[in-house]
Amino acid sequence: MKPNKLPIAIGLITVGLFCAPQSSHAEMASDTVLLNTCYSCHGTDGKSAGDMPTIAGKSKKYIADSLKAFRSGKKTSTVMMRIAKGFNDAELNAIASAFSKQMGRK
């Protein structure tokens, strides 16, 4: 009687699939999903009515650098440090780009 090699082959293929390198980054969320996080404090137009800073019209670089500084802890804020940690560089850049295109207060 010859040993059945099919179960061994299936096992090796299965292990190979689980060990294969995964994508280095997940698919980026849509701009709407990304910006919804910001809207509750900074307003849908980036012009907050309360104590939160207005971010509409700031440069993309300024906004992106600020978000990355919050994420790394170089810039401190109870809320922003937590929020920024949930985004990768591409997502933070997309947020910065969207708000930089909005008109700031005059």
N, C-alpha and C. Protein backbone atom coordinates (compact mmCIF):
# COMPACT_ATOMS: atom_id res chain seq x y z
N MET A 1 0.85 -1.18 0.00
CA MET A 1 0.00 0.00 0.00
C MET A 1 0.89 1.24 0.00
N LYS A 2 0.64 2.16 -0.96
CA LYS A 2 1.42 3.38 -1.06
C LYS A 2 0.79 4.46 -0.18
N PRO A 3 1.64 5.26 0.52
CA PRO A 3 1.08 6.34 1.34
C PRO A 3 0.46 7.41 0.44
N ASN A 4 -0.65 7.97 0.91
CA ASN A 4 -1.35 9.02 0.17
C ASN A 4 -0.63 10.35 0.42
N LYS A 5 -0.12 10.95 -0.63
CA LYS A 5 0.65 12.19 -0.51
C LYS A 5 -0.22 13.44 -0.61
N LEU A 6 -1.48 13.27 -0.96
CA LEU A 6 -2.36 14.42 -1.12
C LEU A 6 -2.51 15.23 0.17
N PRO A 7 -2.77 14.60 1.34
CA PRO A 7 -2.89 15.40 2.57
C PRO A 7 -1.61 16.17 2.89
N ILE A 8 -0.46 15.58 2.59
CA ILE A 8 0.81 16.27 2.86
C ILE A 8 0.93 17.49 1.94
N ALA A 9 0.60 17.32 0.68
CA ALA A 9 0.68 18.42 -0.28
C ALA A 9 -0.26 19.56 0.11
N ILE A 10 -1.48 19.21 0.50
CA ILE A 10 -2.45 20.23 0.92
C ILE A 10 -1.94 20.97 2.15
N GLY A 11 -1.38 20.22 3.08
CA GLY A 11 -0.83 20.83 4.30
C GLY A 11 0.30 21.81 3.99
N LEU A 12 1.21 21.42 3.10
CA LEU A 12 2.32 22.30 2.74
C LEU A 12 1.84 23.55 2.01
N ILE A 13 0.87 23.40 1.14
CA ILE A 13 0.33 24.56 0.44
C ILE A 13 -0.34 25.52 1.42
N THR A 14 -1.11 24.97 2.35
CA THR A 14 -1.79 25.79 3.35
C THR A 14 -0.79 26.56 4.20
N VAL A 15 0.25 25.89 4.66
CA VAL A 15 1.28 26.55 5.46
C VAL A 15 1.95 27.64 4.63
N GLY A 16 2.22 27.35 3.37
CA GLY A 16 2.86 28.33 2.49
C GLY A 16 2.01 29.58 2.31
N LEU A 17 0.71 29.40 2.21
CA LEU A 17 -0.17 30.56 2.06
C LEU A 17 -0.16 31.45 3.30
N PHE A 18 -0.12 30.83 4.47
CA PHE A 18 -0.12 31.62 5.70
C PHE A 18 1.23 32.27 5.96
N CYS A 19 2.29 31.72 5.41
CA CYS A 19 3.62 32.28 5.62
C CYS A 19 4.02 33.27 4.54
N ALA A 20 3.23 33.39 3.49
CA ALA A 20 3.55 34.32 2.40
C ALA A 20 3.53 35.74 2.92
N PRO A 21 4.42 36.59 2.41
CA PRO A 21 4.44 37.97 2.88
C PRO A 21 3.11 38.66 2.60
N GLN A 22 2.66 39.40 3.57
CA GLN A 22 1.42 40.15 3.43
C GLN A 22 1.74 41.54 2.90
N SER A 23 0.75 42.21 2.39
CA SER A 23 0.93 43.57 1.91
C SER A 23 1.45 44.43 3.06
N SER A 24 2.37 45.33 2.77
CA SER A 24 2.97 46.15 3.82
C SER A 24 2.01 47.20 4.36
N HIS A 25 0.95 47.47 3.64
CA HIS A 25 -0.03 48.44 4.13
C HIS A 25 -1.42 48.08 3.63
N ALA A 26 -2.37 48.34 4.47
CA ALA A 26 -3.76 48.05 4.10
C ALA A 26 -4.25 49.10 3.12
N GLU A 27 -5.35 48.79 2.46
CA GLU A 27 -5.94 49.75 1.55
C GLU A 27 -6.36 50.98 2.33
N MET A 28 -6.08 52.15 1.78
CA MET A 28 -6.38 53.39 2.47
C MET A 28 -7.88 53.66 2.44
N ALA A 29 -8.39 54.16 3.55
CA ALA A 29 -9.80 54.52 3.64
C ALA A 29 -10.10 55.70 2.72
N SER A 30 -11.36 55.85 2.36
CA SER A 30 -11.74 56.98 1.50
C SER A 30 -11.57 58.29 2.26
N ASP A 31 -11.46 59.38 1.50
CA ASP A 31 -11.31 60.70 2.12
C ASP A 31 -12.46 61.00 3.07
N THR A 32 -13.67 60.61 2.69
CA THR A 32 -14.84 60.87 3.53
C THR A 32 -14.69 60.20 4.88
N VAL A 33 -14.27 58.95 4.87
CA VAL A 33 -14.09 58.22 6.13
C VAL A 33 -12.99 58.87 6.95
N LEU A 34 -11.89 59.23 6.30
CA LEU A 34 -10.78 59.87 7.01
C LEU A 34 -11.21 61.20 7.63
N LEU A 35 -11.91 62.01 6.87
CA LEU A 35 -12.27 63.35 7.33
C LEU A 35 -13.37 63.35 8.38
N ASN A 36 -14.21 62.33 8.38
CA ASN A 36 -15.27 62.26 9.40
C ASN A 36 -14.69 62.30 10.81
N THR A 37 -13.50 61.78 10.98
CA THR A 37 -12.85 61.80 12.29
C THR A 37 -12.58 63.23 12.73
N CYS A 38 -12.26 64.09 11.79
CA CYS A 38 -11.88 65.47 12.09
C CYS A 38 -13.07 66.40 12.28
N TYR A 39 -14.15 66.09 11.55
CA TYR A 39 -15.30 66.99 11.49
C TYR A 39 -15.92 67.31 12.85
N SER A 40 -15.97 66.35 13.74
CA SER A 40 -16.68 66.59 15.01
C SER A 40 -16.02 67.69 15.84
N CYS A 41 -14.73 67.86 15.73
CA CYS A 41 -14.06 68.90 16.52
C CYS A 41 -13.69 70.13 15.68
N HIS A 42 -13.26 69.90 14.44
CA HIS A 42 -12.76 70.99 13.61
C HIS A 42 -13.79 71.51 12.61
N GLY A 43 -14.99 70.94 12.60
CA GLY A 43 -16.04 71.37 11.69
C GLY A 43 -15.89 70.77 10.31
N THR A 44 -17.00 70.61 9.61
CA THR A 44 -16.97 69.98 8.29
C THR A 44 -16.22 70.83 7.27
N ASP A 45 -16.07 72.11 7.56
CA ASP A 45 -15.33 72.98 6.64
C ASP A 45 -13.96 73.34 7.19
N GLY A 46 -13.56 72.69 8.30
CA GLY A 46 -12.26 72.96 8.89
C GLY A 46 -12.20 74.23 9.72
N LYS A 47 -13.37 74.87 9.90
CA LYS A 47 -13.44 76.11 10.68
C LYS A 47 -14.21 75.83 11.96
N SER A 48 -13.49 75.53 13.01
CA SER A 48 -14.16 75.17 14.26
C SER A 48 -14.78 76.39 14.91
N ALA A 49 -15.92 76.17 15.54
CA ALA A 49 -16.62 77.26 16.21
C ALA A 49 -16.15 77.39 17.66
N GLY A 50 -15.58 76.35 18.19
CA GLY A 50 -15.18 76.35 19.60
C GLY A 50 -13.71 76.63 19.79
N ASP A 51 -13.15 75.98 20.81
CA ASP A 51 -11.75 76.19 21.17
C ASP A 51 -10.76 75.45 20.27
N MET A 52 -11.26 74.54 19.47
CA MET A 52 -10.36 73.77 18.59
C MET A 52 -9.83 74.69 17.49
N PRO A 53 -8.59 74.48 17.08
CA PRO A 53 -8.04 75.35 16.04
C PRO A 53 -8.70 75.15 14.68
N THR A 54 -8.82 76.23 13.94
CA THR A 54 -9.28 76.16 12.56
C THR A 54 -8.14 75.63 11.72
N ILE A 55 -8.41 74.59 10.93
CA ILE A 55 -7.35 74.00 10.12
C ILE A 55 -7.56 74.24 8.62
N ALA A 56 -8.71 74.74 8.24
CA ALA A 56 -8.96 75.04 6.83
C ALA A 56 -7.99 76.12 6.36
N GLY A 57 -7.43 75.91 5.18
CA GLY A 57 -6.55 76.91 4.60
C GLY A 57 -5.11 76.87 5.07
N LYS A 58 -4.81 76.07 6.08
CA LYS A 58 -3.40 75.91 6.49
C LYS A 58 -2.71 75.12 5.39
N SER A 59 -1.41 75.22 5.30
CA SER A 59 -0.70 74.50 4.25
C SER A 59 -0.74 72.99 4.50
N LYS A 60 -0.69 72.24 3.41
CA LYS A 60 -0.68 70.78 3.53
C LYS A 60 0.49 70.33 4.40
N LYS A 61 1.65 70.94 4.20
CA LYS A 61 2.84 70.57 4.97
C LYS A 61 2.62 70.83 6.46
N TYR A 62 2.07 71.99 6.79
CA TYR A 62 1.83 72.33 8.20
C TYR A 62 0.90 71.31 8.85
N ILE A 63 -0.20 71.00 8.18
CA ILE A 63 -1.18 70.06 8.75
C ILE A 63 -0.57 68.67 8.86
N ALA A 64 0.08 68.19 7.79
CA ALA A 64 0.68 66.85 7.81
C ALA A 64 1.76 66.76 8.88
N ASP A 65 2.62 67.77 8.96
CA ASP A 65 3.69 67.76 9.98
C ASP A 65 3.10 67.77 11.38
N SER A 66 2.04 68.54 11.59
CA SER A 66 1.38 68.58 12.91
C SER A 66 0.79 67.23 13.27
N LEU A 67 0.10 66.61 12.32
CA LEU A 67 -0.51 65.30 12.58
C LEU A 67 0.56 64.25 12.90
N LYS A 68 1.65 64.27 12.15
CA LYS A 68 2.74 63.31 12.39
C LYS A 68 3.43 63.58 13.72
N ALA A 69 3.52 64.85 14.11
CA ALA A 69 4.10 65.20 15.41
C ALA A 69 3.20 64.72 16.55
N PHE A 70 1.89 64.82 16.38
CA PHE A 70 0.97 64.27 17.39
C PHE A 70 1.13 62.76 17.48
N ARG A 71 1.24 62.11 16.33
CA ARG A 71 1.36 60.65 16.31
C ARG A 71 2.64 60.19 17.01
N SER A 72 3.73 60.91 16.82
CA SER A 72 5.01 60.51 17.41
C SER A 72 5.16 60.96 18.86
N GLY A 73 4.30 61.88 19.30
CA GLY A 73 4.40 62.39 20.66
C GLY A 73 5.25 63.65 20.77
N LYS A 74 5.78 64.15 19.66
CA LYS A 74 6.58 65.38 19.68
C LYS A 74 5.71 66.59 19.97
N LYS A 75 4.46 66.50 19.58
CA LYS A 75 3.46 67.53 19.86
C LYS A 75 2.42 66.86 20.74
N THR A 76 2.00 67.51 21.82
CA THR A 76 1.10 66.85 22.76
C THR A 76 -0.31 67.42 22.74
N SER A 77 -1.24 66.53 22.93
CA SER A 77 -2.66 66.86 23.04
C SER A 77 -3.35 65.58 23.49
N THR A 78 -4.22 65.69 24.45
CA THR A 78 -4.89 64.50 24.97
C THR A 78 -5.61 63.73 23.88
N VAL A 79 -6.33 64.41 23.03
CA VAL A 79 -7.14 63.75 22.01
C VAL A 79 -6.36 63.50 20.72
N MET A 80 -5.67 64.51 20.21
CA MET A 80 -5.01 64.39 18.91
C MET A 80 -3.92 63.33 18.89
N MET A 81 -3.23 63.13 19.98
CA MET A 81 -2.20 62.09 20.02
C MET A 81 -2.83 60.72 19.79
N ARG A 82 -3.98 60.49 20.39
CA ARG A 82 -4.67 59.20 20.23
C ARG A 82 -5.22 59.04 18.81
N ILE A 83 -5.81 60.09 18.29
CA ILE A 83 -6.41 60.02 16.96
C ILE A 83 -5.34 59.79 15.89
N ALA A 84 -4.26 60.56 15.94
CA ALA A 84 -3.23 60.49 14.90
C ALA A 84 -2.56 59.12 14.85
N LYS A 85 -2.49 58.44 15.97
CA LYS A 85 -1.86 57.11 15.99
C LYS A 85 -2.64 56.09 15.16
N GLY A 86 -3.88 56.39 14.85
CA GLY A 86 -4.70 55.46 14.07
C GLY A 86 -4.53 55.57 12.57
N PHE A 87 -3.66 56.47 12.11
CA PHE A 87 -3.50 56.70 10.68
C PHE A 87 -2.06 56.49 10.23
N ASN A 88 -1.89 56.01 8.99
CA ASN A 88 -0.55 55.90 8.42
C ASN A 88 -0.20 57.21 7.72
N ASP A 89 1.02 57.31 7.20
CA ASP A 89 1.47 58.54 6.56
C ASP A 89 0.58 58.95 5.38
N ALA A 90 0.21 57.99 4.55
CA ALA A 90 -0.62 58.30 3.38
C ALA A 90 -1.97 58.88 3.81
N GLU A 91 -2.55 58.33 4.86
CA GLU A 91 -3.84 58.82 5.35
C GLU A 91 -3.70 60.22 5.95
N LEU A 92 -2.64 60.45 6.72
CA LEU A 92 -2.42 61.78 7.29
C LEU A 92 -2.20 62.80 6.17
N ASN A 93 -1.47 62.41 5.14
CA ASN A 93 -1.25 63.32 4.01
C ASN A 93 -2.55 63.62 3.26
N ALA A 94 -3.43 62.63 3.15
CA ALA A 94 -4.73 62.84 2.49
C ALA A 94 -5.59 63.81 3.30
N ILE A 95 -5.58 63.66 4.60
CA ILE A 95 -6.33 64.57 5.48
C ILE A 95 -5.77 65.99 5.32
N ALA A 96 -4.45 66.11 5.37
CA ALA A 96 -3.80 67.42 5.24
C ALA A 96 -4.13 68.06 3.90
N SER A 97 -4.11 67.27 2.86
CA SER A 97 -4.41 67.79 1.52
C SER A 97 -5.83 68.32 1.44
N ALA A 98 -6.77 67.57 1.97
CA ALA A 98 -8.18 67.97 1.91
C ALA A 98 -8.43 69.28 2.66
N PHE A 99 -7.90 69.40 3.88
CA PHE A 99 -8.14 70.61 4.66
C PHE A 99 -7.37 71.81 4.11
N SER A 100 -6.21 71.57 3.50
CA SER A 100 -5.44 72.69 2.95
C SER A 100 -6.14 73.33 1.75
N LYS A 101 -7.02 72.58 1.10
CA LYS A 101 -7.74 73.10 -0.07
C LYS A 101 -8.99 73.89 0.32
N GLN A 102 -9.38 73.83 1.59
CA GLN A 102 -10.55 74.58 2.04
C GLN A 102 -10.15 76.00 2.38
N MET A 103 -11.07 76.91 2.26
CA MET A 103 -10.80 78.31 2.55
C MET A 103 -10.80 78.54 4.05
N GLY A 104 -9.77 79.21 4.55
CA GLY A 104 -9.69 79.53 5.97
C GLY A 104 -10.49 80.77 6.30
N ARG A 105 -10.48 81.13 7.57
CA ARG A 105 -11.18 82.36 8.00
C ARG A 105 -10.47 83.57 7.45
N LYS A 106 -11.24 84.59 7.17
CA LYS A 106 -10.64 85.84 6.65
C LYS A 106 -10.52 86.85 7.75
